[in-house]
PDB file of N, CA and C in Angstrom:
ATOM      1  N   MET A   1     -10.911   1.093  10.470  1.00  0.00           N
ATOM      2  CA  MET A   1     -10.475   2.315   9.840  1.00  0.00           C
ATOM      3  C   MET A   1      -9.422   1.973   8.791  1.00  0.00           C
ATOM      4  N   ILE A   2      -9.392   2.787   7.763  1.00  0.00           N
ATOM      5  CA  ILE A   2      -8.411   2.599   6.698  1.00  0.00           C
ATOM      6  C   ILE A   2      -7.622   3.890   6.526  1.00  0.00           C
ATOM      7  N   ILE A   3      -6.314   3.761   6.484  1.00  0.00           N
ATOM      8  CA  ILE A   3      -5.421   4.888   6.242  1.00  0.00           C
ATOM      9  C   ILE A   3      -4.917   4.756   4.810  1.00  0.00           C
ATOM     10  N   PHE A   4      -5.098   5.791   4.016  1.00  0.00           N
ATOM     11  CA  PHE A   4      -4.594   5.806   2.641  1.00  0.00           C
ATOM     12  C   PHE A   4      -3.418   6.766   2.566  1.00  0.00           C
ATOM     13  N   ASP A   5      -2.367   6.345   1.864  1.00  0.00           N
ATOM     14  CA  ASP A   5      -1.201   7.202   1.672  1.00  0.00           C
ATOM     15  C   ASP A   5      -0.618   6.888   0.309  1.00  0.00           C
ATOM     16  N   ASP A   6      -0.042   7.880  -0.332  1.00  0.00           N
ATOM     17  CA  ASP A   6       0.558   7.630  -1.638  1.00  0.00           C
ATOM     18  C   ASP A   6       1.843   6.828  -1.518  1.00  0.00           C
ATOM     19  N   GLU A   7       2.555   7.008  -0.403  1.00  0.00           N
ATOM     20  CA  GLU A   7       3.847   6.337  -0.243  1.00  0.00           C
ATOM     21  C   GLU A   7       4.123   6.076   1.231  1.00  0.00           C
ATOM     22  N   ILE A   8       4.601   4.892   1.522  1.00  0.00           N
ATOM     23  CA  ILE A   8       5.065   4.587   2.872  1.00  0.00           C
ATOM     24  C   ILE A   8       6.567   4.385   2.777  1.00  0.00           C
ATOM     25  N   SER A   9       7.321   5.280   3.401  1.00  0.00           N
ATOM     26  CA  SER A   9       8.776   5.183   3.376  1.00  0.00           C
ATOM     27  C   SER A   9       9.273   4.600   4.694  1.00  0.00           C
ATOM     28  N   ARG A  10       9.398   5.415   5.713  1.00  0.00           N
ATOM     29  CA  ARG A  10       9.907   4.947   7.011  1.00  0.00           C
ATOM     30  C   ARG A  10       8.777   4.488   7.941  1.00  0.00           C
ATOM     31  N   ALA A  11       7.538   4.742   7.562  1.00  0.00           N
ATOM     32  CA  ALA A  11       6.334   4.357   8.312  1.00  0.00           C
ATOM     33  C   ALA A  11       6.177   5.100   9.632  1.00  0.00           C
ATOM     34  N   THR A  12       6.928   6.177   9.829  1.00  0.00           N
ATOM     35  CA  THR A  12       6.785   6.935  11.066  1.00  0.00           C
ATOM     36  C   THR A  12       5.434   7.649  11.115  1.00  0.00           C
ATOM     37  N   SER A  13       5.004   8.246  10.006  1.00  0.00           N
ATOM     38  CA  SER A  13       3.699   8.907   9.956  1.00  0.00           C
ATOM     39  C   SER A  13       2.575   7.880  10.091  1.00  0.00           C
ATOM     40  N   LEU A  14       2.764   6.741   9.461  1.00  0.00           N
ATOM     41  CA  LEU A  14       1.760   5.682   9.544  1.00  0.00           C
ATOM     42  C   LEU A  14       1.587   5.212  10.981  1.00  0.00           C
ATOM     43  N   ALA A  15       2.678   4.939  11.656  1.00  0.00           N
ATOM     44  CA  ALA A  15       2.612   4.485  13.051  1.00  0.00           C
ATOM     45  C   ALA A  15       1.985   5.553  13.944  1.00  0.00           C
ATOM     46  N   ALA A  16       2.303   6.813  13.700  1.00  0.00           N
ATOM     47  CA  ALA A  16       1.709   7.902  14.487  1.00  0.00           C
ATOM     48  C   ALA A  16       0.207   7.991  14.239  1.00  0.00           C
ATOM     49  N   SER A  17      -0.207   7.787  13.005  1.00  0.00           N
ATOM     50  CA  SER A  17      -1.639   7.808  12.679  1.00  0.00           C
ATOM     51  C   SER A  17      -2.371   6.671  13.375  1.00  0.00           C
ATOM     52  N   VAL A  18      -1.754   5.506  13.391  1.00  0.00           N
ATOM     53  CA  VAL A  18      -2.369   4.354  14.060  1.00  0.00           C
ATOM     54  C   VAL A  18      -2.509   4.638  15.552  1.00  0.00           C
ATOM     55  N   ARG A  19      -1.482   5.205  16.160  1.00  0.00           N
ATOM     56  CA  ARG A  19      -1.553   5.560  17.587  1.00  0.00           C
ATOM     57  C   ARG A  19      -2.668   6.572  17.841  1.00  0.00           C
ATOM     58  N   ALA A  20      -2.793   7.570  16.970  1.00  0.00           N
ATOM     59  CA  ALA A  20      -3.824   8.592  17.132  1.00  0.00           C
ATOM     60  C   ALA A  20      -5.224   7.993  17.004  1.00  0.00           C
ATOM     61  N   MET A  21      -5.374   7.030  16.136  1.00  0.00           N
ATOM     62  CA  MET A  21      -6.682   6.397  15.940  1.00  0.00           C
ATOM     63  C   MET A  21      -7.079   5.499  17.105  1.00  0.00           C
ATOM     64  N   SER A  22      -6.119   5.067  17.881  1.00  0.00           N
ATOM     65  CA  SER A  22      -6.416   4.128  18.969  1.00  0.00           C
ATOM     66  C   SER A  22      -7.395   4.719  19.983  1.00  0.00           C
ATOM     67  N   GLU A  23      -7.441   6.039  20.110  1.00  0.00           N
ATOM     68  CA  GLU A  23      -8.366   6.661  21.052  1.00  0.00           C
ATOM     69  C   GLU A  23      -9.831   6.471  20.642  1.00  0.00           C
ATOM     70  N   PHE A  24     -10.058   6.110  19.388  1.00  0.00           N
ATOM     71  CA  PHE A  24     -11.414   5.873  18.896  1.00  0.00           C
ATOM     72  C   PHE A  24     -11.809   4.398  18.978  1.00  0.00           C
ATOM     73  N   SER A  25     -10.919   3.556  19.475  1.00  0.00           N
ATOM     74  CA  SER A  25     -11.150   2.114  19.641  1.00  0.00           C
ATOM     75  C   SER A  25     -11.710   1.443  18.377  1.00  0.00           C
ATOM     76  N   PRO A  26     -11.006   1.569  17.272  1.00  0.00           N
ATOM     77  CA  PRO A  26     -11.507   0.929  16.045  1.00  0.00           C
ATOM     78  C   PRO A  26     -11.423  -0.597  16.152  1.00  0.00           C
ATOM     79  N   ARG A  27     -12.312  -1.285  15.437  1.00  0.00           N
ATOM     80  CA  ARG A  27     -12.256  -2.757  15.419  1.00  0.00           C
ATOM     81  C   ARG A  27     -10.970  -3.237  14.764  1.00  0.00           C
ATOM     82  N   SER A  28     -10.549  -2.532  13.725  1.00  0.00           N
ATOM     83  CA  SER A  28      -9.281  -2.854  13.071  1.00  0.00           C
ATOM     84  C   SER A  28      -8.784  -1.603  12.354  1.00  0.00           C
ATOM     85  N   VAL A  29      -7.477  -1.581  12.113  1.00  0.00           N
ATOM     86  CA  VAL A  29      -6.868  -0.488  11.360  1.00  0.00           C
ATOM     87  C   VAL A  29      -6.044  -1.128  10.244  1.00  0.00           C
ATOM     88  N   ARG A  30      -6.309  -0.691   9.046  1.00  0.00           N
ATOM     89  CA  ARG A  30      -5.571  -1.167   7.867  1.00  0.00           C
ATOM     90  C   ARG A  30      -5.026   0.047   7.127  1.00  0.00           C
ATOM     91  N   ALA A  31      -4.008  -0.187   6.336  1.00  0.00           N
ATOM     92  CA  ALA A  31      -3.418   0.896   5.551  1.00  0.00           C
ATOM     93  C   ALA A  31      -3.262   0.445   4.111  1.00  0.00           C
ATOM     94  N   ALA A  32      -3.321   1.410   3.210  1.00  0.00           N
ATOM     95  CA  ALA A  32      -3.109   1.141   1.790  1.00  0.00           C
ATOM     96  C   ALA A  32      -2.246   2.245   1.222  1.00  0.00           C
ATOM     97  N   SER A  33      -1.322   1.860   0.352  1.00  0.00           N
ATOM     98  CA  SER A  33      -0.459   2.846  -0.297  1.00  0.00           C
ATOM     99  C   SER A  33      -0.184   2.424  -1.727  1.00  0.00           C
ATOM    100  N   THR A  34       0.131   3.405  -2.541  1.00  0.00           N
ATOM    101  CA  THR A  34       0.511   3.110  -3.923  1.00  0.00           C
ATOM    102  C   THR A  34       1.941   2.595  -3.978  1.00  0.00           C
ATOM    103  N   HIS A  35       2.837   3.265  -3.268  1.00  0.00           N
ATOM    104  CA  HIS A  35       4.255   2.918  -3.302  1.00  0.00           C
ATOM    105  C   HIS A  35       4.739   2.543  -1.908  1.00  0.00           C
ATOM    106  N   GLY A  36       5.184   1.326  -1.750  1.00  0.00           N
ATOM    107  CA  GLY A  36       5.708   0.875  -0.467  1.00  0.00           C
ATOM    108  C   GLY A  36       7.222   0.771  -0.504  1.00  0.00           C
ATOM    109  N   LEU A  37       7.908   1.731   0.086  1.00  0.00           N
ATOM    110  CA  LEU A  37       9.371   1.707   0.139  1.00  0.00           C
ATOM    111  C   LEU A  37       9.867   0.896   1.334  1.00  0.00           C
ATOM    112  N   PHE A  38       9.243   1.110   2.493  1.00  0.00           N
ATOM    113  CA  PHE A  38       9.565   0.397   3.729  1.00  0.00           C
ATOM    114  C   PHE A  38      11.057   0.453   4.064  1.00  0.00           C
ATOM    115  N   CYS A  39      11.559   1.675   4.237  1.00  0.00           N
ATOM    116  CA  CYS A  39      12.964   1.924   4.566  1.00  0.00           C
ATOM    117  C   CYS A  39      13.172   1.984   6.082  1.00  0.00           C
ATOM    118  N   GLY A  40      14.424   1.886   6.479  1.00  0.00           N
ATOM    119  CA  GLY A  40      14.798   2.087   7.877  1.00  0.00           C
ATOM    120  C   GLY A  40      13.940   1.299   8.852  1.00  0.00           C
ATOM    121  N   PRO A  41      13.252   2.002   9.775  1.00  0.00           N
ATOM    122  CA  PRO A  41      12.497   1.323  10.829  1.00  0.00           C
ATOM    123  C   PRO A  41      11.101   0.873  10.409  1.00  0.00           C
ATOM    124  N   ALA A  42      10.763   0.991   9.143  1.00  0.00           N
ATOM    125  CA  ALA A  42       9.387   0.755   8.702  1.00  0.00           C
ATOM    126  C   ALA A  42       8.841  -0.615   9.119  1.00  0.00           C
ATOM    127  N   LEU A  43       9.579  -1.674   8.866  1.00  0.00           N
ATOM    128  CA  LEU A  43       9.067  -3.015   9.189  1.00  0.00           C
ATOM    129  C   LEU A  43       8.841  -3.175  10.683  1.00  0.00           C
ATOM    130  N   ARG A  44       9.771  -2.679  11.483  1.00  0.00           N
ATOM    131  CA  ARG A  44       9.620  -2.772  12.932  1.00  0.00           C
ATOM    132  C   ARG A  44       8.406  -1.985  13.394  1.00  0.00           C
ATOM    133  N   LEU A  45       8.241  -0.761  12.893  1.00  0.00           N
ATOM    134  CA  LEU A  45       7.110   0.071  13.290  1.00  0.00           C
ATOM    135  C   LEU A  45       5.780  -0.568  12.891  1.00  0.00           C
ATOM    136  N   ILE A  46       5.734  -1.130  11.703  1.00  0.00           N
ATOM    137  CA  ILE A  46       4.517  -1.792  11.241  1.00  0.00           C
ATOM    138  C   ILE A  46       4.206  -3.010  12.099  1.00  0.00           C
ATOM    139  N   ASP A  47       5.223  -3.807  12.369  1.00  0.00           N
ATOM    140  CA  ASP A  47       5.008  -5.011  13.179  1.00  0.00           C
ATOM    141  C   ASP A  47       4.610  -4.686  14.614  1.00  0.00           C
ATOM    142  N   GLU A  48       5.118  -3.582  15.156  1.00  0.00           N
ATOM    143  CA  GLU A  48       4.860  -3.239  16.555  1.00  0.00           C
ATOM    144  C   GLU A  48       3.552  -2.482  16.782  1.00  0.00           C
ATOM    145  N   CYS A  49       2.997  -1.876  15.743  1.00  0.00           N
ATOM    146  CA  CYS A  49       1.772  -1.098  15.959  1.00  0.00           C
ATOM    147  C   CYS A  49       0.530  -1.957  15.723  1.00  0.00           C
ATOM    148  N   ASP A  50      -0.610  -1.389  16.025  1.00  0.00           N
ATOM    149  CA  ASP A  50      -1.870  -2.124  15.957  1.00  0.00           C
ATOM    150  C   ASP A  50      -2.486  -2.156  14.566  1.00  0.00           C
ATOM    151  N   LEU A  51      -1.663  -2.204  13.563  1.00  0.00           N
ATOM    152  CA  LEU A  51      -2.150  -2.360  12.187  1.00  0.00           C
ATOM    153  C   LEU A  51      -2.477  -3.825  11.938  1.00  0.00           C
ATOM    154  N   GLN A  52      -3.611  -4.067  11.314  1.00  0.00           N
ATOM    155  CA  GLN A  52      -3.933  -5.436  10.948  1.00  0.00           C
ATOM    156  C   GLN A  52      -3.263  -5.807   9.625  1.00  0.00           C
ATOM    157  N   GLU A  53      -3.197  -4.838   8.702  1.00  0.00           N
ATOM    158  CA  GLU A  53      -2.671  -5.137   7.370  1.00  0.00           C
ATOM    159  C   GLU A  53      -2.258  -3.857   6.663  1.00  0.00           C
ATOM    160  N   VAL A  54      -1.237  -3.979   5.821  1.00  0.00           N
ATOM    161  CA  VAL A  54      -0.817  -2.896   4.930  1.00  0.00           C
ATOM    162  C   VAL A  54      -0.855  -3.463   3.519  1.00  0.00           C
ATOM    163  N   ILE A  55      -1.611  -2.811   2.650  1.00  0.00           N
ATOM    164  CA  ILE A  55      -1.694  -3.237   1.254  1.00  0.00           C
ATOM    165  C   ILE A  55      -0.974  -2.198   0.410  1.00  0.00           C
ATOM    166  N   THR A  56      -0.084  -2.654  -0.450  1.00  0.00           N
ATOM    167  CA  THR A  56       0.660  -1.758  -1.330  1.00  0.00           C
ATOM    168  C   THR A  56       0.775  -2.413  -2.698  1.00  0.00           C
ATOM    169  N   THR A  57       1.260  -1.661  -3.661  1.00  0.00           N
ATOM    170  CA  THR A  57       1.462  -2.226  -4.994  1.00  0.00           C
ATOM    171  C   THR A  57       2.935  -2.551  -5.209  1.00  0.00           C
ATOM    172  N   ASN A  58       3.201  -3.230  -6.285  1.00  0.00           N
ATOM    173  CA  ASN A  58       4.583  -3.592  -6.611  1.00  0.00           C
ATOM    174  C   ASN A  58       5.236  -2.581  -7.555  1.00  0.00           C
ATOM    175  N   THR A  59       4.841  -1.313  -7.454  1.00  0.00           N
ATOM    176  CA  THR A  59       5.496  -0.286  -8.270  1.00  0.00           C
ATOM    177  C   THR A  59       6.948  -0.111  -7.865  1.00  0.00           C
ATOM    178  N   ILE A  60       7.267  -0.511  -6.639  1.00  0.00           N
ATOM    179  CA  ILE A  60       8.645  -0.532  -6.145  1.00  0.00           C
ATOM    180  C   ILE A  60       8.903  -1.944  -5.641  1.00  0.00           C
ATOM    181  N   HIS A  61       9.964  -2.557  -6.125  1.00  0.00           N
ATOM    182  CA  HIS A  61      10.274  -3.933  -5.727  1.00  0.00           C
ATOM    183  C   HIS A  61      10.511  -4.024  -4.224  1.00  0.00           C
ATOM    184  N   LEU A  62       9.886  -5.000  -3.603  1.00  0.00           N
ATOM    185  CA  LEU A  62      10.056  -5.234  -2.177  1.00  0.00           C
ATOM    186  C   LEU A  62      10.636  -6.631  -1.992  1.00  0.00           C
ATOM    187  N   PRO A  63      11.942  -6.706  -1.726  1.00  0.00           N
ATOM    188  CA  PRO A  63      12.576  -8.023  -1.579  1.00  0.00           C
ATOM    189  C   PRO A  63      11.950  -8.812  -0.428  1.00  0.00           C
ATOM    190  N   GLU A  64      12.022 -10.115  -0.515  1.00  0.00           N
ATOM    191  CA  GLU A  64      11.445 -10.991   0.507  1.00  0.00           C
ATOM    192  C   GLU A  64      11.967 -10.665   1.905  1.00  0.00           C
ATOM    193  N   ASP A  65      13.234 -10.300   2.008  1.00  0.00           N
ATOM    194  CA  ASP A  65      13.800 -10.024   3.332  1.00  0.00           C
ATOM    195  C   ASP A  65      13.366  -8.672   3.898  1.00  0.00           C
ATOM    196  N   ARG A  66      12.617  -7.884   3.128  1.00  0.00           N
ATOM    197  CA  ARG A  66      12.101  -6.595   3.590  1.00  0.00           C
ATOM    198  C   ARG A  66      10.577  -6.635   3.730  1.00  0.00           C
ATOM    199  N   ARG A  67      10.028  -7.820   3.949  1.00  0.00           N
ATOM    200  CA  ARG A  67       8.574  -7.959   4.061  1.00  0.00           C
ATOM    201  C   ARG A  67       8.178  -8.322   5.474  1.00  0.00           C
ATOM    202  N   SER A  68       6.930  -8.090   5.752  1.00  0.00           N
ATOM    203  CA  SER A  68       6.329  -8.416   7.039  1.00  0.00           C
ATOM    204  C   SER A  68       5.080  -9.241   6.751  1.00  0.00           C
ATOM    205  N   ASP A  69       4.663 -10.036   7.713  1.00  0.00           N
ATOM    206  CA  ASP A  69       3.416 -10.790   7.543  1.00  0.00           C
ATOM    207  C   ASP A  69       2.218  -9.862   7.409  1.00  0.00           C
ATOM    208  N   LYS A  70       2.369  -8.628   7.845  1.00  0.00           N
ATOM    209  CA  LYS A  70       1.277  -7.658   7.767  1.00  0.00           C
ATOM    210  C   LYS A  70       1.197  -6.970   6.405  1.00  0.00           C
ATOM    211  N   ILE A  71       2.212  -7.140   5.559  1.00  0.00           N
ATOM    212  CA  ILE A  71       2.260  -6.447   4.267  1.00  0.00           C
ATOM    213  C   ILE A  71       1.800  -7.373   3.149  1.00  0.00           C
ATOM    214  N   ARG A  72       0.826  -6.881   2.368  1.00  0.00           N
ATOM    215  CA  ARG A  72       0.361  -7.620   1.196  1.00  0.00           C
ATOM    216  C   ARG A  72       0.647  -6.765  -0.029  1.00  0.00           C
ATOM    217  N   VAL A  73       1.339  -7.336  -1.009  1.00  0.00           N
ATOM    218  CA  VAL A  73       1.729  -6.611  -2.214  1.00  0.00           C
ATOM    219  C   VAL A  73       0.848  -7.057  -3.373  1.00  0.00           C
ATOM    220  N   LEU A  74       0.202  -6.084  -4.019  1.00  0.00           N
ATOM    221  CA  LEU A  74      -0.634  -6.354  -5.179  1.00  0.00           C
ATOM    222  C   LEU A  74       0.089  -5.924  -6.450  1.00  0.00           C
ATOM    223  N   SER A  75      -0.064  -6.704  -7.499  1.00  0.00           N
ATOM    224  CA  SER A  75       0.604  -6.405  -8.763  1.00  0.00           C
ATOM    225  C   SER A  75      -0.191  -5.400  -9.592  1.00  0.00           C
ATOM    226  N   VAL A  76       0.527  -4.451 -10.178  1.00  0.00           N
ATOM    227  CA  VAL A  76      -0.084  -3.501 -11.103  1.00  0.00           C
ATOM    228  C   VAL A  76       0.074  -3.970 -12.550  1.00  0.00           C
ATOM    229  N   ALA A  77       0.718  -5.109 -12.760  1.00  0.00           N
ATOM    230  CA  ALA A  77       0.995  -5.599 -14.110  1.00  0.00           C
ATOM    231  C   ALA A  77      -0.265  -5.742 -14.974  1.00  0.00           C
ATOM    232  N   PRO A  78      -1.350  -6.337 -14.467  1.00  0.00           N
ATOM    233  CA  PRO A  78      -2.543  -6.458 -15.324  1.00  0.00           C
ATOM    234  C   PRO A  78      -3.096  -5.098 -15.763  1.00  0.00           C
ATOM    235  N   LEU A  79      -3.085  -4.119 -14.876  1.00  0.00           N
ATOM    236  CA  LEU A  79      -3.572  -2.788 -15.217  1.00  0.00           C
ATOM    237  C   LEU A  79      -2.675  -2.143 -16.273  1.00  0.00           C
ATOM    238  N   PHE A  80      -1.359  -2.209 -16.074  1.00  0.00           N
ATOM    239  CA  PHE A  80      -0.436  -1.636 -17.054  1.00  0.00           C
ATOM    240  C   PHE A  80      -0.550  -2.341 -18.402  1.00  0.00           C
ATOM    241  N   ALA A  81      -0.667  -3.657 -18.384  1.00  0.00           N
ATOM    242  CA  ALA A  81      -0.786  -4.421 -19.635  1.00  0.00           C
ATOM    243  C   ALA A  81      -2.038  -4.018 -20.401  1.00  0.00           C
ATOM    244  N   GLU A  82      -3.137  -3.884 -19.691  1.00  0.00           N
ATOM    245  CA  GLU A  82      -4.388  -3.486 -20.346  1.00  0.00           C
ATOM    246  C   GLU A  82      -4.287  -2.070 -20.901  1.00  0.00           C
ATOM    247  N   ALA A  83      -3.648  -1.162 -20.162  1.00  0.00           N
ATOM    248  CA  ALA A  83      -3.479   0.210 -20.641  1.00  0.00           C
ATOM    249  C   ALA A  83      -2.612   0.241 -21.899  1.00  0.00           C
ATOM    250  N   ILE A  84      -1.522  -0.512 -21.897  1.00  0.00           N
ATOM    251  CA  ILE A  84      -0.641  -0.567 -23.077  1.00  0.00           C
ATOM    252  C   ILE A  84      -1.387  -1.134 -24.279  1.00  0.00           C
ATOM    253  N   LYS A  85      -2.150  -2.191 -24.053  1.00  0.00           N
ATOM    254  CA  LYS A  85      -2.925  -2.805 -25.147  1.00  0.00           C
ATOM    255  C   LYS A  85      -3.914  -1.802 -25.728  1.00  0.00           C
ATOM    256  N   ARG A  86      -4.655  -1.112 -24.855  1.00  0.00           N
ATOM    257  CA  ARG A  86      -5.648  -0.149 -25.335  1.00  0.00           C
ATOM    258  C   ARG A  86      -4.992   1.000 -26.100  1.00  0.00           C
ATOM    259  N   ILE A  87      -3.880   1.487 -25.605  1.00  0.00           N
ATOM    260  CA  ILE A  87      -3.180   2.567 -26.302  1.00  0.00           C
ATOM    261  C   ILE A  87      -2.712   2.077 -27.667  1.00  0.00           C
ATOM    262  N   HIS A  88      -2.163   0.880 -27.726  1.00  0.00           N
ATOM    263  CA  HIS A  88      -1.685   0.304 -28.995  1.00  0.00           C
ATOM    264  C   HIS A  88      -2.826   0.154 -30.001  1.00  0.00           C
ATOM    265  N   LEU A  89      -4.005  -0.216 -29.523  1.00  0.00           N
ATOM    266  CA  LEU A  89      -5.156  -0.417 -30.407  1.00  0.00           C
ATOM    267  C   LEU A  89      -5.960   0.858 -30.646  1.00  0.00           C
ATOM    268  N   GLY A  90      -5.509   1.969 -30.045  1.00  0.00           N
ATOM    269  CA  GLY A  90      -6.216   3.233 -30.222  1.00  0.00           C
ATOM    270  C   GLY A  90      -7.514   3.304 -29.433  1.00  0.00           C
ATOM    271  N   GLU A  91      -7.623   2.504 -28.373  1.00  0.00           N
ATOM    272  CA  GLU A  91      -8.826   2.499 -27.545  1.00  0.00           C
ATOM    273  C   GLU A  91      -8.638   3.416 -26.337  1.00  0.00           C
ATOM    274  N   SER A  92      -9.737   3.766 -25.737  1.00  0.00           N
ATOM    275  CA  SER A  92      -9.709   4.633 -24.559  1.00  0.00           C
ATOM    276  C   SER A  92      -9.211   3.876 -23.323  1.00  0.00           C
ATOM    277  N   VAL A  93      -8.414   4.557 -22.517  1.00  0.00           N
ATOM    278  CA  VAL A  93      -7.991   3.986 -21.240  1.00  0.00           C
ATOM    279  C   VAL A  93      -8.885   4.476 -20.101  1.00  0.00           C
ATOM    280  N   SER A  94      -9.758   5.405 -20.373  1.00  0.00           N
ATOM    281  CA  SER A  94     -10.649   5.951 -19.339  1.00  0.00           C
ATOM    282  C   SER A  94     -11.425   4.887 -18.581  1.00  0.00           C
ATOM    283  N   PRO A  95     -11.960   3.857 -19.246  1.00  0.00           N
ATOM    284  CA  PRO A  95     -12.722   2.842 -18.501  1.00  0.00           C
ATOM    285  C   PRO A  95     -11.882   2.127 -17.422  1.00  0.00           C
ATOM    286  N   LEU A  96     -10.577   2.138 -17.547  1.00  0.00           N
ATOM    287  CA  LEU A  96      -9.723   1.499 -16.543  1.00  0.00           C
ATOM    288  C   LEU A  96      -9.790   2.218 -15.204  1.00  0.00           C
ATOM    289  N   PHE A  97     -10.184   3.489 -15.218  1.00  0.00           N
ATOM    290  CA  PHE A  97     -10.220   4.293 -14.007  1.00  0.00           C
ATOM    291  C   PHE A  97     -11.625   4.482 -13.446  1.00  0.00           C
ATOM    292  N   THR A  98     -12.617   3.878 -14.109  1.00  0.00           N
ATOM    293  CA  THR A  98     -13.995   4.044 -13.654  1.00  0.00           C
ATOM    294  C   THR A  98     -14.611   2.726 -13.213  1.00  0.00           C
ATOM    295  N   GLN A  99     -13.844   1.683 -13.173  1.00  0.00           N
ATOM    296  CA  GLN A  99     -14.378   0.373 -12.794  1.00  0.00           C
ATOM    297  C   GLN A  99     -14.460   0.226 -11.314  1.00  0.00           C
TER     298      GLN A  99
END
């Protein structure tokens, strides 16, 4: 199962969702978010629950000391660079959202 969220802050909702899904005995549970804040108890909750992985973007800086082995951060830099280039050249950015 995959949980999608726009933002993970304290991860309390995420951990509750993972617990709720456990009744369905999924093979694995992963989460994805656009913005990973990971404040307060977030790292502990993520590490303690049955999440296999959390994927987030680097729209918010996540220092090394605020990371977990379960968290994978993907860069949005290539997407932003391509959008800036297309805008500068007067090209459409629409294809960036349909790939």
